[in-house]
Amino acid sequence: MAPFTDWSLLDVVRGTAGEAWLERVDVVQPVLWAVMVSLAEVWQSAGVSPSVVVGHSQGEIAAAVVAGALSLEDGARVVALRSRAIAGGLAGRGGMVSVALPVELVRERLSVWGEERISVAAVNGPSSVVVSGEPAALEELLASCEADGVRARRVPVDYASHSAQVESIRTELLDVL
């Protein structure tokens, strides 16, 4: 991780870097990725080898490393530079909300805002959907859900991963990767 970051992975994991580091997407995402890859290595050192690997978001990058599709260095490069692009280009412009409804019902609710403003970011389960997009639209969604007795909560991030906003960092990502 060191060649691609301005912080120490070990200091952050050990807690000696201070809590402020955990507020940065360009720190949190690579740290989570490193923990995922490390846990897979621990299991493999105990003789437990995966038959299949899956992942979501930075977990996809970890899965690619565990499966041997990416080297450890390439995985670190992708996750570090991707999260740096998110921090520089998306932070402060969006957000995410978790909604406890089936995806079909969430899509119906979102239709009033349009996909450019707010959209489904992830379907985590039959009644667990994450929505991503503009802060104002997300606030309106939260109010709508509360009024209808639908459980919804803001995900504590200030960027809209897995949304149309990500297109704005596409060129940067292609250039650095």
Protein backbone atom coordinates (compact mmCIF):
# COMPACT_ATOMS: atom_id res chain seq x y z
CA MET A 1 0.00 0.00 0.00
CA ALA A 2 2.88 2.37 0.85
CA PRO A 3 3.84 3.32 -2.74
CA PHE A 4 0.31 4.59 -3.38
CA THR A 5 -0.58 6.40 -0.14
CA ASP A 6 0.66 9.21 2.11
CA TRP A 7 -0.25 7.35 5.32
CA SER A 8 0.83 4.18 7.12
CA LEU A 9 -1.48 1.17 6.87
CA LEU A 10 -0.08 -0.31 10.08
CA ASP A 11 -0.52 2.96 11.99
CA VAL A 12 -4.17 3.21 10.91
CA VAL A 13 -4.94 -0.46 11.67
CA ARG A 14 -3.19 -0.28 15.05
CA GLY A 15 -5.02 2.95 15.91
CA THR A 16 -1.84 4.96 16.43
CA ALA A 17 -2.59 7.31 13.52
CA GLY A 18 -5.62 8.78 15.28
CA GLU A 19 -9.32 8.62 14.48
CA ALA A 20 -9.28 11.50 11.99
CA TRP A 21 -7.72 9.19 9.41
CA LEU A 22 -10.86 7.06 9.48
CA GLU A 23 -12.89 10.02 8.18
CA ARG A 24 -11.02 9.91 4.85
CA VAL A 25 -12.40 7.70 2.08
CA ASP A 26 -8.88 7.43 0.62
CA VAL A 27 -7.84 5.78 3.90
CA VAL A 28 -10.93 3.79 4.91
CA GLN A 29 -11.41 1.98 1.61
CA PRO A 30 -7.78 0.80 1.25
CA VAL A 31 -7.72 -0.25 4.93
CA LEU A 32 -10.90 -2.31 4.50
CA TRP A 33 -9.44 -3.85 1.35
CA ALA A 34 -6.19 -4.71 3.17
CA VAL A 35 -8.14 -6.37 5.99
CA MET A 36 -10.16 -8.42 3.46
CA VAL A 37 -7.05 -9.62 1.64
CA SER A 38 -5.26 -10.29 4.94
CA LEU A 39 -8.14 -12.36 6.30
CA ALA A 40 -8.13 -14.46 3.14
CA GLU A 41 -4.40 -15.01 3.60
CA VAL A 42 -4.91 -16.04 7.25
CA TRP A 43 -7.48 -18.64 6.18
CA GLN A 44 -5.21 -19.90 3.42
CA SER A 45 -2.27 -20.20 5.83
CA ALA A 46 -4.51 -22.47 7.94
CA GLY A 47 -5.16 -24.66 4.90
CA VAL A 48 -8.56 -23.23 3.98
CA SER A 49 -8.56 -22.32 0.29
CA PRO A 50 -11.54 -20.70 -1.40
CA SER A 51 -13.29 -22.44 -4.27
CA VAL A 52 -15.03 -19.22 -5.24
CA VAL A 53 -14.56 -15.56 -4.32
CA VAL A 54 -17.02 -12.69 -4.59
CA GLY A 55 -16.96 -9.08 -3.57
CA HIS A 56 -18.73 -5.75 -3.81
CA SER A 57 -17.07 -2.37 -4.39
CA GLN A 58 -13.53 -2.53 -2.95
CA GLY A 59 -14.42 -6.14 -2.11
CA GLU A 60 -14.34 -6.88 -5.84
CA ILE A 61 -10.73 -5.74 -5.89
CA ALA A 62 -9.95 -7.95 -2.87
CA ALA A 63 -11.68 -10.90 -4.53
CA ALA A 64 -9.61 -10.38 -7.69
CA VAL A 65 -6.41 -10.52 -5.62
CA VAL A 66 -7.51 -13.60 -3.66
CA ALA A 67 -8.47 -15.33 -6.92
CA GLY A 68 -5.10 -14.48 -8.48
CA ALA A 69 -6.60 -12.26 -11.19
CA LEU A 70 -4.67 -9.26 -9.79
CA SER A 71 -1.33 -9.23 -8.03
CA LEU A 72 -1.26 -7.87 -4.48
CA GLU A 73 0.56 -4.76 -5.75
CA ASP A 74 -1.93 -4.19 -8.58
CA GLY A 75 -4.84 -4.61 -6.17
CA ALA A 76 -3.30 -2.09 -3.78
CA ARG A 77 -2.74 0.31 -6.67
CA VAL A 78 -6.35 0.02 -7.88
CA VAL A 79 -7.95 0.45 -4.45
CA ALA A 80 -5.66 3.30 -3.37
CA LEU A 81 -5.90 5.30 -6.58
CA ARG A 82 -9.63 4.64 -6.95
CA SER A 83 -10.32 5.88 -3.41
CA ARG A 84 -8.06 8.90 -3.97
CA ALA A 85 -10.11 9.78 -7.07
CA ILE A 86 -13.31 9.43 -5.04
CA ALA A 87 -11.89 11.72 -2.34
CA GLY A 88 -10.79 14.34 -4.86
CA GLY A 89 -13.69 14.23 -7.28
CA LEU A 90 -16.77 12.98 -5.46
CA ALA A 91 -16.41 13.82 -1.77
CA GLY A 92 -18.82 16.49 -0.61
CA ARG A 93 -21.09 16.14 -3.65
CA GLY A 94 -23.33 13.21 -2.74
CA GLY A 95 -24.32 10.55 -0.30
CA MET A 96 -25.94 7.19 0.22
CA VAL A 97 -29.04 5.90 2.00
CA SER A 98 -29.94 2.34 3.00
CA VAL A 99 -33.63 1.51 2.49
CA ALA A 100 -35.38 -1.56 3.95
CA LEU A 101 -37.57 -2.35 0.94
CA PRO A 102 -37.40 -4.67 -2.07
CA VAL A 103 -35.60 -3.12 -5.04
CA GLU A 104 -38.79 -2.86 -7.12
CA LEU A 105 -40.45 -0.69 -4.46
CA VAL A 106 -37.32 1.42 -4.07
CA ARG A 107 -37.19 2.05 -7.83
CA GLU A 108 -40.83 3.16 -7.75
CA ARG A 109 -40.01 5.65 -4.98
CA LEU A 110 -36.98 6.96 -6.86
CA SER A 111 -38.83 7.63 -10.11
CA VAL A 112 -39.86 11.11 -8.96
CA TRP A 113 -36.22 12.28 -8.84
CA GLY A 114 -34.79 10.75 -12.02
CA GLU A 115 -31.71 8.54 -12.32
CA GLU A 116 -29.39 11.53 -12.77
CA ARG A 117 -30.14 12.73 -9.24
CA ILE A 118 -30.67 9.50 -7.28
CA SER A 119 -30.47 5.82 -8.16
CA VAL A 120 -30.08 2.29 -6.82
CA ALA A 121 -26.42 1.77 -5.94
CA ALA A 122 -26.59 -1.78 -4.55
CA VAL A 123 -29.06 -4.52 -3.79
CA ASN A 124 -27.71 -6.17 -0.64
CA GLY A 125 -30.67 -8.47 0.01
CA PRO A 126 -34.36 -9.02 -0.67
CA SER A 127 -35.28 -5.97 1.44
CA SER A 128 -31.97 -4.15 1.69
CA VAL A 129 -31.20 -1.59 -0.99
CA VAL A 130 -28.64 1.22 -1.02
CA VAL A 131 -29.49 4.39 -2.91
CA SER A 132 -26.89 6.90 -4.04
CA GLY A 133 -26.99 10.42 -5.41
CA GLU A 134 -27.45 14.12 -4.68
CA PRO A 135 -27.76 15.15 -1.01
CA ALA A 136 -31.02 17.10 -1.48
CA ALA A 137 -32.72 14.19 -3.23
CA LEU A 138 -31.51 11.81 -0.52
CA GLU A 139 -32.93 14.08 2.20
CA GLU A 140 -36.27 14.09 0.40
CA LEU A 141 -36.13 10.29 0.13
CA LEU A 142 -35.40 9.97 3.86
CA ALA A 143 -38.35 12.24 4.68
CA SER A 144 -40.62 10.28 2.34
CA CYS A 145 -39.59 6.98 3.91
CA GLU A 146 -40.07 8.31 7.43
CA ALA A 147 -43.54 9.62 6.55
CA ASP A 148 -44.50 6.19 5.21
CA GLY A 149 -42.97 4.22 8.10
CA VAL A 150 -40.23 2.74 5.92
CA ARG A 151 -36.92 2.16 7.68
CA ALA A 152 -34.17 4.15 5.96
CA ARG A 153 -30.88 5.52 7.22
CA ARG A 154 -28.11 7.63 5.84
CA VAL A 155 -24.84 5.82 5.20
CA PRO A 156 -22.13 8.00 6.80
CA VAL A 157 -20.35 9.04 3.58
CA ASP A 158 -20.33 12.30 1.60
CA TYR A 159 -19.93 10.78 -1.86
CA ALA A 160 -22.29 8.90 -4.16
CA SER A 161 -20.58 5.62 -5.01
CA HIS A 162 -22.16 3.44 -7.66
CA SER A 163 -24.09 6.39 -9.10
CA ALA A 164 -24.02 8.55 -12.23
CA GLN A 165 -21.65 10.89 -10.34
CA VAL A 166 -18.86 8.31 -10.67
CA GLU A 167 -18.67 9.06 -14.40
CA SER A 168 -17.03 12.38 -13.49
CA ILE A 169 -13.87 10.57 -12.29
CA ARG A 170 -13.73 8.03 -15.13
CA THR A 171 -11.01 9.81 -17.13
CA GLU A 172 -8.86 10.34 -14.03
CA LEU A 173 -9.13 6.66 -13.12
CA LEU A 174 -8.23 5.54 -16.63
CA ASP A 175 -5.23 7.88 -16.60
CA VAL A 176 -3.83 6.77 -13.22
CA LEU A 177 -4.52 3.08 -13.64
